[in-house]
Amino acid sequence: MRFQMQATLNTCAEIELMARSTKTIYSATSTLIANSLLYSSLFLIVLFSLISINSRIRSSPLSPSSSSPHTDKQVPTNEKLERLEIGLARARADILAAGRKRRYVSYENDTFIPRGSIYRNPYAFHQSYREMENKLRIWVYKEGEPPIFHSGPMKDIYSIEGHLLEHLHNRRNPLAAAAPEEATAFYLPIGFTNIIHYLYTPRVHYNRRLLQNVVEDYVSLLAEKYPYWNRTGGADHFFVGCHDWAPDASAANPDLFRNLIRVLCNANASESFRPERDVSLPEINVPDDALGPPDVTSTAARNRSILAFFAGGRHGYVREKLLDYWKGRDPEVQVHEYLPGGVNYFEEMARAKYCLCPSGWEVASPRLVESMHVGCVPVVVSDGYVLPFSDVLDWGRFSVHVPVGRIAEIKKILEGIKEEEYLELQRGVAAAKRHFLLHRPARPYDLLHMVLHSVWLRRINISPLHRKQLIFAREGFKNNLNKFVAQVKIYSFLN
């Protein structure tokens, strides 16, 4: 396999990096793409839960590459970093004050004000969103070539990955940083779905090492070339991956990715997903002619004739269990493996009071978003799934959770919900829907901006105890980086 190396990649470190990546990929498959590969990684920590913990941030000290376009004058100074941290500290204080006082602060010009029971604390959420608009600035690394980097799917099941990537590349994005030294967060533009498509086709093996090498080498290149990863051990960096394999990208080198913020559709807390640091990414199936499922809400909530509905294949043990028990068993709990010809999937969903959203091969399901488009209360049939935006949204106000072990009790559980409670859940679905709509360009409080708000929450929780050990831009990268300690204060919108 050949790789065309860019003229800018002329340092010994980069040449050695590319050689190692070439050797790895060639040995795995000899028929795959000939585009050059460069590599990336990012981000840290959480908000909105009620504990304080200490976290040691560790990273290998690396020197900037001699070919780096950033001179010493271009490297962020102590004063710039201090100003950034002071601004974030003020934002934290203002969010906490709004949440405690339970009042909105200067909202006269806002186009939307979060109100109602679906929010854990609408006052804190509103203030946090405003602070994000003012202070979150994201730098997208330029290294790497499509399709492995800077490119992702725009249609079908993993499309949210491509839409977020394209949004962050858009120069009109109000959250874009004009220069890296002005950034409060750094995005690694890795195309996980494209990596799987190009580097694992034909699918002769499922070994994740090839994926892991691509990501690790990209991060290593950036860490050698720029100071930004090393100064926090990746705590202010993030990547976005909707493919089922994306969580495995960091599994081979947990020390390197310990502080990174991973934005993942496969948000399984029983595996490697860390709710205090990672972000749960909604899965949405984008069709060819629209930006999401159709809106089919003509059926009034009181007139829906089906108690529960599901249609889908036997993808994973949860669906196997659901289909084995409920398929063809009860006309009120309609569970189909395949719908009869001429029956419209979304119209059937719109006739149901509750839409079953079981996990597939992994925990996420596009049916969460689909059910909101048709005004159907989602029933999450899963164990370990960390639901999207649960930092600010109270899912208990607009959904029902059924553990996998209680699949046989689905009808009993749903019939036990009183009519008034169901109508309240249905109204909650209508209120929450705006946060799961995909717009291009993005709009305030929509799906793309809600994902970035989740990233923002984790970014503002970096609170250095030893700030001088964090900042050594002018002095170079010190060996005492491993001694850097960050205090992570995890706040909550729960009260």
Protein backbone atom coordinates (compact mmCIF):
# COMPACT_ATOMS: atom_id res chain seq x y z
CA MET A 1 0.00 0.00 0.00
CA ARG A 2 1.25 3.43 -0.90
CA PHE A 3 0.70 6.69 0.87
CA GLN A 4 1.27 10.10 -0.68
CA MET A 5 3.07 12.12 1.92
CA GLN A 6 2.43 15.80 2.07
CA ALA A 7 5.38 18.13 1.55
CA THR A 8 4.81 19.59 4.98
CA LEU A 9 5.48 16.23 6.62
CA ASN A 10 9.23 16.50 6.38
CA THR A 11 10.46 16.00 9.90
CA CYS A 12 12.06 12.81 11.07
CA ALA A 13 9.34 12.23 13.62
CA GLU A 14 6.58 12.49 11.05
CA ILE A 15 8.38 10.29 8.52
CA GLU A 16 8.93 7.64 11.16
CA LEU A 17 5.26 7.91 12.16
CA MET A 18 4.03 7.47 8.60
CA ALA A 19 6.33 4.54 8.05
CA ARG A 20 5.01 2.74 11.11
CA SER A 21 1.39 3.36 10.07
CA THR A 22 2.09 2.16 6.51
CA LYS A 23 3.66 -1.04 7.77
CA THR A 24 0.74 -1.73 10.10
CA ILE A 25 -1.96 -1.13 7.52
CA TYR A 26 -0.12 -3.05 4.77
CA SER A 27 0.21 -6.10 6.94
CA ALA A 28 -3.53 -6.06 7.74
CA THR A 29 -4.80 -5.69 4.20
CA SER A 30 -3.08 -5.08 0.89
CA THR A 31 -6.06 -3.94 -1.14
CA LEU A 32 -7.20 -0.79 0.64
CA ILE A 33 -6.98 2.92 0.08
CA ALA A 34 -3.97 4.90 -1.05
CA ASN A 35 -4.78 8.16 0.69
CA SER A 36 -2.33 9.50 3.23
CA LEU A 37 -3.15 8.98 6.89
CA LEU A 38 -2.55 11.33 9.73
CA TYR A 39 -4.00 10.92 13.13
CA SER A 40 -5.98 12.56 16.00
CA SER A 41 -7.46 12.54 19.60
CA LEU A 42 -9.12 14.78 22.43
CA PHE A 43 -10.97 16.07 25.65
CA LEU A 44 -12.04 15.81 29.41
CA ILE A 45 -14.57 15.68 32.12
CA VAL A 46 -18.11 16.09 33.35
CA LEU A 47 -20.75 18.24 34.92
CA PHE A 48 -24.07 17.57 36.57
CA SER A 49 -23.94 14.74 39.13
CA LEU A 50 -23.22 15.38 42.81
CA ILE A 51 -19.66 14.36 43.69
CA SER A 52 -16.16 15.79 43.70
CA ILE A 53 -13.24 13.65 42.66
CA ASN A 54 -9.57 14.06 42.01
CA SER A 55 -8.14 12.92 38.72
CA ARG A 56 -4.50 12.68 37.80
CA ILE A 57 -3.80 13.83 34.29
CA ARG A 58 -0.85 12.05 32.75
CA SER A 59 0.81 12.21 29.37
CA SER A 60 4.22 11.57 27.87
CA PRO A 61 6.16 14.83 27.58
CA LEU A 62 6.88 15.55 23.97
CA SER A 63 8.74 18.36 22.28
CA PRO A 64 7.21 20.33 19.44
CA SER A 65 8.32 19.25 15.99
CA SER A 66 10.91 21.45 14.33
CA SER A 67 8.59 21.65 11.34
CA SER A 68 5.70 23.06 13.36
CA PRO A 69 4.37 26.26 11.81
CA HIS A 70 3.88 27.71 15.31
CA THR A 71 6.89 29.59 16.56
CA ASP A 72 7.47 30.38 20.24
CA LYS A 73 5.58 33.62 19.75
CA GLN A 74 2.64 31.70 18.34
CA VAL A 75 2.52 29.19 21.18
CA PRO A 76 -0.07 30.18 23.81
CA THR A 77 1.44 32.25 26.59
CA ASN A 78 0.78 31.79 30.28
CA GLU A 79 -1.30 34.95 30.27
CA LYS A 80 -3.58 33.73 27.48
CA LEU A 81 -4.18 30.42 29.19
CA GLU A 82 -4.77 32.16 32.49
CA ARG A 83 -7.40 34.38 30.88
CA LEU A 84 -9.11 31.36 29.34
CA GLU A 85 -9.23 29.55 32.67
CA ILE A 86 -10.46 32.63 34.52
CA GLY A 87 -13.27 33.01 32.00
CA LEU A 88 -14.27 29.37 32.41
CA ALA A 89 -14.18 29.69 36.20
CA ARG A 90 -16.57 32.64 35.98
CA ALA A 91 -18.84 30.63 33.73
CA ARG A 92 -18.94 27.81 36.28
CA ALA A 93 -19.80 30.23 39.05
CA ASP A 94 -22.59 31.88 37.03
CA ILE A 95 -24.11 28.51 36.10
CA LEU A 96 -24.12 27.38 39.71
CA ALA A 97 -25.63 30.70 40.84
CA ALA A 98 -28.45 30.48 38.29
CA GLY A 99 -29.18 26.89 39.33
CA ARG A 100 -29.21 27.67 43.05
CA LYS A 101 -31.27 30.86 42.76
CA ARG A 102 -33.57 29.18 40.23
CA ARG A 103 -33.92 32.22 38.06
CA TYR A 104 -33.12 33.15 34.47
CA VAL A 105 -30.44 35.76 33.89
CA SER A 106 -30.80 38.29 31.05
CA TYR A 107 -32.84 36.36 28.56
CA GLU A 108 -34.67 39.21 26.79
CA ASN A 109 -33.03 38.57 23.41
CA ASP A 110 -33.16 34.77 23.54
CA THR A 111 -35.22 33.00 20.88
CA PHE A 112 -35.87 30.04 23.21
CA ILE A 113 -36.01 29.67 26.99
CA PRO A 114 -35.94 26.12 28.42
CA ARG A 115 -38.90 25.67 30.74
CA GLY A 116 -40.81 22.77 32.18
CA SER A 117 -40.35 19.46 33.93
CA ILE A 118 -38.30 17.75 31.19
CA TYR A 119 -35.26 19.75 32.38
CA ARG A 120 -33.38 18.82 35.52
CA ASN A 121 -32.75 22.49 36.19
CA PRO A 122 -33.87 24.79 33.35
CA TYR A 123 -32.23 27.85 34.94
CA ALA A 124 -28.79 26.28 35.12
CA PHE A 125 -29.20 24.80 31.64
CA HIS A 126 -30.17 28.15 30.16
CA GLN A 127 -27.21 29.89 31.79
CA SER A 128 -24.85 27.12 30.74
CA TYR A 129 -26.00 27.31 27.13
CA ARG A 130 -25.47 31.07 27.07
CA GLU A 131 -22.00 30.66 28.56
CA MET A 132 -21.21 28.04 25.90
CA GLU A 133 -22.18 30.45 23.13
CA ASN A 134 -19.87 33.09 24.61
CA LYS A 135 -16.87 31.02 25.64
CA LEU A 136 -16.66 27.69 23.84
CA ARG A 137 -14.34 28.03 20.85
CA ILE A 138 -13.33 24.86 19.01
CA TRP A 139 -10.20 24.41 16.92
CA VAL A 140 -10.26 21.69 14.27
CA TYR A 141 -6.84 20.20 13.53
CA LYS A 142 -5.92 20.52 9.84
CA GLU A 143 -3.71 17.45 9.58
CA GLY A 144 -4.94 14.40 7.72
CA GLU A 145 -6.64 13.79 4.40
CA PRO A 146 -10.10 12.53 3.43
CA PRO A 147 -11.66 10.05 3.53
CA ILE A 148 -9.99 8.84 6.74
CA PHE A 149 -9.96 12.34 8.23
CA HIS A 150 -12.19 15.40 7.74
CA SER A 151 -14.92 13.27 6.17
CA GLY A 152 -17.87 11.22 7.38
CA PRO A 153 -21.21 9.78 6.23
CA MET A 154 -24.07 12.23 5.69
CA LYS A 155 -26.82 9.63 5.22
CA ASP A 156 -27.99 6.42 6.90
CA ILE A 157 -27.40 5.11 10.41
CA TYR A 158 -24.04 6.71 11.34
CA SER A 159 -24.71 10.04 9.65
CA ILE A 160 -24.59 12.18 12.82
CA GLU A 161 -20.82 11.64 12.75
CA GLY A 162 -20.53 13.27 9.32
CA HIS A 163 -22.94 16.12 10.09
CA LEU A 164 -21.09 17.09 13.26
CA LEU A 165 -17.77 16.94 11.44
CA GLU A 166 -19.04 19.14 8.61
CA HIS A 167 -20.61 21.59 11.07
CA LEU A 168 -17.35 21.97 12.98
CA HIS A 169 -15.47 22.60 9.72
CA ASN A 170 -17.85 25.35 8.71
CA ARG A 171 -16.17 28.74 9.04
CA ARG A 172 -19.56 30.30 9.77
CA ASN A 173 -19.94 28.11 12.85
CA PRO A 174 -20.11 30.66 15.70
CA LEU A 175 -18.24 28.28 18.00
CA ALA A 176 -15.24 27.97 15.67
CA ALA A 177 -11.90 29.27 16.99
CA ALA A 178 -10.03 31.63 14.67
CA ALA A 179 -6.68 30.28 15.89
CA PRO A 180 -5.64 27.36 18.13
CA GLU A 181 -4.32 29.62 20.89
CA GLU A 182 -7.83 31.07 21.24
CA ALA A 183 -9.48 27.66 21.54
CA THR A 184 -11.05 26.26 24.68
CA ALA A 185 -11.50 22.85 23.02
CA PHE A 186 -9.82 20.90 20.22
CA TYR A 187 -11.55 18.55 17.79
CA LEU A 188 -9.83 15.51 16.30
CA PRO A 189 -11.45 15.14 12.85
CA ILE A 190 -11.23 11.36 12.65
CA GLY A 191 -13.74 9.63 10.37
CA PHE A 192 -14.40 6.42 12.29
CA THR A 193 -17.07 5.12 9.95
CA ASN A 194 -14.83 5.77 6.95
CA ILE A 195 -11.91 4.01 8.63
CA ILE A 196 -14.04 0.90 9.04
CA HIS A 197 -15.35 1.18 5.49
CA TYR A 198 -12.03 1.69 3.73
CA LEU A 199 -9.57 -0.17 5.92
CA TYR A 200 -11.73 -3.19 6.76
CA THR A 201 -13.19 -3.88 3.30
CA PRO A 202 -13.26 -6.68 2.41
CA ARG A 203 -14.07 -7.71 6.00
CA VAL A 204 -11.43 -10.42 6.39
CA HIS A 205 -10.96 -9.82 10.13
CA TYR A 206 -12.36 -7.88 13.05
CA ASN A 207 -9.12 -7.03 14.79
CA ARG A 208 -9.39 -3.47 16.15
CA ARG A 209 -5.64 -2.94 16.19
CA LEU A 210 -5.63 -1.32 12.76
CA LEU A 211 -8.21 1.24 13.89
CA GLN A 212 -6.29 1.81 17.11
CA ASN A 213 -3.01 2.41 15.28
CA VAL A 214 -4.57 5.04 13.04
CA VAL A 215 -5.94 6.98 16.02
CA GLU A 216 -2.85 6.59 18.23
CA ASP A 217 -0.46 7.65 15.48
CA TYR A 218 -2.55 10.70 14.68
CA VAL A 219 -2.54 11.81 18.31
CA SER A 220 1.20 11.19 18.58
CA LEU A 221 1.83 13.35 15.53
CA LEU A 222 -0.25 16.20 16.96
CA ALA A 223 1.37 15.90 20.37
CA GLU A 224 4.83 16.22 18.82
CA LYS A 225 3.87 19.05 16.50
CA TYR A 226 1.81 21.24 18.84
CA PRO A 227 1.70 21.94 22.59
CA TYR A 228 -2.05 21.64 23.06
CA TRP A 229 -2.46 17.92 23.77
CA ASN A 230 0.45 17.76 26.20
CA ARG A 231 -0.54 20.71 28.35
CA THR A 232 -3.62 18.85 29.64
CA GLY A 233 -2.92 15.28 28.58
CA GLY A 234 -5.75 15.57 26.06
CA ALA A 235 -8.32 16.75 28.61
CA ASP A 236 -9.59 19.55 26.37
CA HIS A 237 -9.72 17.39 23.23
CA PHE A 238 -12.58 15.33 21.82
CA PHE A 239 -13.45 13.05 18.96
CA VAL A 240 -16.83 12.03 17.54
CA GLY A 241 -17.58 8.43 16.60
CA CYS A 242 -20.98 6.88 15.89
CA HIS A 243 -19.76 3.55 14.55
CA ASP A 244 -20.13 0.64 16.98
CA TRP A 245 -16.36 0.17 17.02
CA ALA A 246 -15.50 3.77 17.95
CA PRO A 247 -15.12 3.08 21.71
CA ASP A 248 -12.47 0.45 20.90
CA ALA A 249 -10.19 3.07 19.33
CA SER A 250 -8.85 4.05 22.74
CA ALA A 251 -8.82 0.59 24.32
CA ALA A 252 -5.25 -0.41 23.43
CA ASN A 253 -3.64 2.62 25.10
CA PRO A 254 -5.81 3.70 28.04
CA ASP A 255 -3.07 5.91 29.51
CA LEU A 256 -2.86 8.01 26.35
CA PHE A 257 -6.63 8.50 26.15
CA ARG A 258 -7.38 8.65 29.87
CA ASN A 259 -8.47 12.30 29.78
CA LEU A 260 -9.92 12.47 26.28
CA ILE A 261 -13.61 13.32 25.79
CA ARG A 262 -15.14 10.70 23.53
CA VAL A 263 -18.45 11.54 21.84
CA LEU A 264 -20.01 8.14 21.15
CA CYS A 265 -23.28 6.63 19.94
CA ASN A 266 -22.27 3.37 21.64
CA ALA A 267 -22.69 4.84 25.13
CA ASN A 268 -22.66 1.64 27.17
CA ALA A 269 -21.81 2.26 30.82
CA SER A 270 -21.37 -1.49 31.40
CA GLU A 271 -18.45 -1.43 28.98
CA SER A 272 -15.95 1.42 28.52
CA PHE A 273 -18.25 4.46 28.40
CA ARG A 274 -17.56 6.94 31.22
CA PRO A 275 -20.55 9.24 31.80
CA GLU A 276 -18.44 11.69 33.79
CA ARG A 277 -16.17 12.29 30.79
CA ASP A 278 -17.67 10.86 27.61
CA VAL A 279 -20.68 12.24 25.71
CA SER A 280 -23.65 10.14 24.58
CA LEU A 281 -24.35 10.87 20.90
CA PRO A 282 -27.89 10.33 19.57
CA GLU A 283 -28.13 7.88 16.70
CA ILE A 284 -30.20 9.16 13.80
CA ASN A 285 -30.98 7.49 10.49
CA VAL A 286 -30.83 10.28 7.88
CA PRO A 287 -32.64 9.43 4.62
CA ASP A 288 -31.58 10.60 1.17
CA ASP A 289 -34.20 13.33 0.85
CA ALA A 290 -34.39 14.83 4.36
CA LEU A 291 -32.45 15.55 7.54
CA GLY A 292 -34.32 13.06 9.69
CA PRO A 293 -37.43 10.92 10.06
CA PRO A 294 -40.75 12.31 8.77
CA ASP A 295 -43.10 14.11 11.14
CA VAL A 296 -46.24 12.00 11.39
CA THR A 297 -48.22 13.33 14.35
CA SER A 298 -51.75 13.50 12.99
CA THR A 299 -53.07 10.91 15.44
CA ALA A 300 -54.18 12.51 18.70
CA ALA A 301 -52.60 11.08 21.84
CA ARG A 302 -55.96 9.83 23.18
CA ASN A 303 -56.88 8.09 19.92
CA ARG A 304 -53.84 5.88 19.39
CA SER A 305 -55.10 2.34 18.94
CA ILE A 306 -51.88 0.36 19.53
CA LEU A 307 -50.40 0.08 23.01
CA ALA A 308 -46.81 -0.66 21.87
CA PHE A 309 -45.06 -1.08 18.52
CA PHE A 310 -41.73 -2.38 17.20
CA ALA A 311 -40.50 -3.53 13.80
CA GLY A 312 -36.90 -4.57 13.15
CA GLY A 313 -34.43 -7.37 12.57
CA ARG A 314 -32.79 -9.73 15.04
CA HIS A 315 -29.76 -7.53 15.66
CA GLY A 316 -28.32 -8.55 19.01
CA TYR A 317 -29.57 -10.54 21.98
CA VAL A 318 -32.02 -7.86 23.23
CA ARG A 319 -33.99 -7.88 20.00
CA GLU A 320 -33.81 -11.68 19.87
CA LYS A 321 -35.40 -11.83 23.29
CA LEU A 322 -38.04 -9.25 22.39
CA LEU A 323 -39.02 -10.98 19.15
CA ASP A 324 -38.99 -14.46 20.63
CA TYR A 325 -41.46 -13.47 23.34
CA TRP A 326 -43.73 -10.86 21.72
CA LYS A 327 -43.74 -11.49 17.96
CA GLY A 328 -47.33 -12.40 17.01
CA ARG A 329 -48.34 -12.86 20.65
CA ASP A 330 -50.63 -9.88 21.34
CA PRO A 331 -52.39 -7.42 18.97
CA GLU A 332 -51.94 -4.64 21.53
CA VAL A 333 -48.15 -5.16 21.67
CA GLN A 334 -47.30 -5.29 17.98
CA VAL A 335 -43.79 -6.65 17.52
CA HIS A 336 -42.74 -7.38 13.95
CA GLU A 337 -39.57 -8.70 12.41
CA TYR A 338 -40.76 -7.56 8.99
CA LEU A 339 -43.78 -5.40 8.25
CA PRO A 340 -46.30 -6.69 5.69
CA GLY A 341 -46.01 -5.21 2.21
CA GLY A 342 -47.64 -1.81 1.79
CA VAL A 343 -47.55 -0.99 5.52
CA ASN A 344 -45.79 2.31 6.30
CA TYR A 345 -43.35 2.02 9.20
CA PHE A 346 -43.73 5.58 10.47
CA GLU A 347 -47.51 5.59 10.14
CA GLU A 348 -47.66 2.46 12.27
CA MET A 349 -45.44 4.13 14.87
CA ALA A 350 -47.79 7.13 14.86
CA ARG A 351 -50.73 4.83 15.75
CA ALA A 352 -48.95 3.59 18.89
CA LYS A 353 -48.94 5.14 22.34
CA TYR A 354 -45.51 3.66 23.11
CA CYS A 355 -42.68 2.82 20.70
CA LEU A 356 -40.28 0.09 21.80
CA CYS A 357 -36.63 1.10 21.39
CA PRO A 358 -34.53 -2.00 22.12
CA SER A 359 -30.76 -2.06 21.80
CA GLY A 360 -29.41 -3.60 18.60
CA TRP A 361 -25.89 -4.89 18.19
CA GLU A 362 -24.97 -2.10 20.60
CA VAL A 363 -27.01 -0.04 23.06
CA ALA A 364 -28.01 2.96 20.92
CA SER A 365 -31.13 2.97 18.76
CA PRO A 366 -32.33 5.46 16.11
CA ARG A 367 -35.88 4.70 17.29
CA LEU A 368 -35.44 7.19 20.14
CA VAL A 369 -35.36 10.04 17.63
CA GLU A 370 -37.89 8.41 15.32
CA SER A 371 -40.45 8.04 18.11
CA MET A 372 -40.22 11.77 18.91
CA HIS A 373 -40.94 12.66 15.28
CA VAL A 374 -44.21 10.71 15.40
CA GLY A 375 -45.27 11.81 18.91
CA CYS A 376 -44.80 8.35 20.40
CA VAL A 377 -43.45 7.82 23.92
CA PRO A 378 -40.13 5.92 23.62
CA VAL A 379 -39.70 2.77 25.70
CA VAL A 380 -35.98 2.19 26.21
CA VAL A 381 -35.35 -1.56 26.38
CA SER A 382 -31.70 -1.69 27.35
CA ASP A 383 -29.23 -2.21 30.17
CA GLY A 384 -26.34 0.21 30.59
CA TYR A 385 -27.38 2.76 27.95
CA VAL A 386 -26.46 6.31 29.01
CA LEU A 387 -29.15 8.36 27.30
CA PRO A 388 -28.17 11.47 25.31
CA PHE A 389 -28.22 14.87 27.04
CA SER A 390 -29.15 13.30 30.38
CA ASP A 391 -26.99 15.96 32.06
CA VAL A 392 -29.83 18.41 31.45
CA LEU A 393 -32.84 16.34 30.33
CA ASP A 394 -34.88 14.22 32.75
CA TRP A 395 -35.72 11.23 30.54
CA GLY A 396 -38.17 9.94 33.10
CA ARG A 397 -40.47 12.82 32.09
CA PHE A 398 -40.83 11.71 28.47
CA SER A 399 -39.84 8.06 28.22
CA VAL A 400 -40.19 4.68 29.93
CA HIS A 401 -37.31 2.35 30.78
CA VAL A 402 -37.78 -1.41 30.74
CA PRO A 403 -34.77 -3.53 31.79
CA VAL A 404 -33.92 -6.39 29.45
CA GLY A 405 -34.78 -8.88 32.18
CA ARG A 406 -38.39 -7.60 32.23
CA ILE A 407 -39.17 -7.85 28.51
CA ALA A 408 -41.96 -10.36 29.25
CA GLU A 409 -43.59 -7.72 31.49
CA ILE A 410 -43.75 -4.95 28.89
CA LYS A 411 -47.55 -5.00 28.56
CA LYS A 412 -48.08 -5.11 32.31
CA ILE A 413 -45.66 -2.20 32.83
CA LEU A 414 -47.25 -0.01 30.15
CA GLU A 415 -50.82 -0.80 31.18
CA GLY A 416 -49.84 0.19 34.72
CA ILE A 417 -49.20 3.77 33.57
CA LYS A 418 -52.33 5.85 34.17
CA GLU A 419 -53.85 7.78 31.29
CA GLU A 420 -52.99 11.16 32.83
CA GLU A 421 -49.39 10.04 33.29
CA TYR A 422 -49.21 8.85 29.69
CA LEU A 423 -50.53 12.19 28.42
CA GLU A 424 -47.90 13.98 30.51
CA LEU A 425 -45.19 11.76 29.01
CA GLN A 426 -46.53 12.48 25.54
CA ARG A 427 -46.40 16.23 26.18
CA GLY A 428 -42.82 15.75 27.38
CA VAL A 429 -41.96 14.07 24.07
CA ALA A 430 -43.29 17.09 22.19
CA ALA A 431 -41.21 19.43 24.37
CA ALA A 432 -38.00 17.40 24.10
CA LYS A 433 -38.28 16.93 20.34
CA ARG A 434 -36.63 20.27 19.50
CA HIS A 435 -33.37 19.03 21.03
CA PHE A 436 -33.28 16.02 18.69
CA LEU A 437 -33.91 17.82 15.41
CA LEU A 438 -31.05 17.98 12.91
CA HIS A 439 -30.77 21.35 11.16
CA ARG A 440 -28.25 22.55 8.59
CA PRO A 441 -27.12 25.13 9.37
CA ALA A 442 -27.49 24.32 13.05
CA ARG A 443 -29.94 26.25 15.19
CA PRO A 444 -29.85 27.09 18.91
CA TYR A 445 -30.69 24.16 21.18
CA ASP A 446 -30.97 21.70 18.26
CA LEU A 447 -29.30 18.29 18.08
CA LEU A 448 -25.87 19.50 16.92
CA HIS A 449 -25.69 22.27 19.50
CA MET A 450 -26.92 19.97 22.27
CA VAL A 451 -24.05 17.59 21.50
CA LEU A 452 -21.58 20.47 21.71
CA HIS A 453 -23.20 21.64 24.95
CA SER A 454 -22.49 18.18 26.39
CA VAL A 455 -18.86 18.63 25.35
CA TRP A 456 -18.87 22.10 26.91
CA LEU A 457 -20.06 20.73 30.26
CA ARG A 458 -17.10 18.36 30.42
CA ARG A 459 -14.65 21.04 29.33
CA ILE A 460 -15.59 23.57 32.01
CA ASN A 461 -15.02 21.03 34.76
CA ILE A 462 -11.26 21.12 34.32
CA SER A 463 -10.15 23.04 37.40
CA PRO A 464 -6.35 22.86 37.85
CA LEU A 465 -4.97 22.70 41.38
CA HIS A 466 -1.43 23.31 40.15
CA ARG A 467 -1.91 25.72 37.29
CA LYS A 468 1.81 26.42 36.83
CA GLN A 469 2.42 22.76 36.13
CA LEU A 470 -0.28 22.88 33.49
CA ILE A 471 1.15 25.83 31.61
CA PHE A 472 4.65 25.56 30.24
CA ALA A 473 4.29 26.88 26.75
CA ARG A 474 7.36 29.13 26.81
CA GLU A 475 9.51 26.86 28.97
CA GLY A 476 8.97 23.84 26.73
CA PHE A 477 7.40 20.56 27.79
CA LYS A 478 8.66 19.49 31.19
CA ASN A 479 9.16 16.04 32.60
CA ASN A 480 6.97 16.96 35.52
CA LEU A 481 3.87 16.83 33.32
CA ASN A 482 3.06 13.48 34.89
CA LYS A 483 2.83 15.26 38.22
CA PHE A 484 0.04 17.51 37.01
CA VAL A 485 -3.09 17.07 39.07
CA ALA A 486 -6.53 18.40 38.18
CA GLN A 487 -9.42 18.73 40.54
CA VAL A 488 -12.61 17.78 38.80
CA LYS A 489 -15.68 19.44 40.26
CA ILE A 490 -18.81 17.75 39.07
CA TYR A 491 -21.88 19.90 39.40
CA SER A 492 -25.51 18.96 38.99
CA PHE A 493 -28.71 20.30 37.49
CA LEU A 494 -30.65 17.80 39.59
CA ASN A 495 -31.81 20.31 42.20
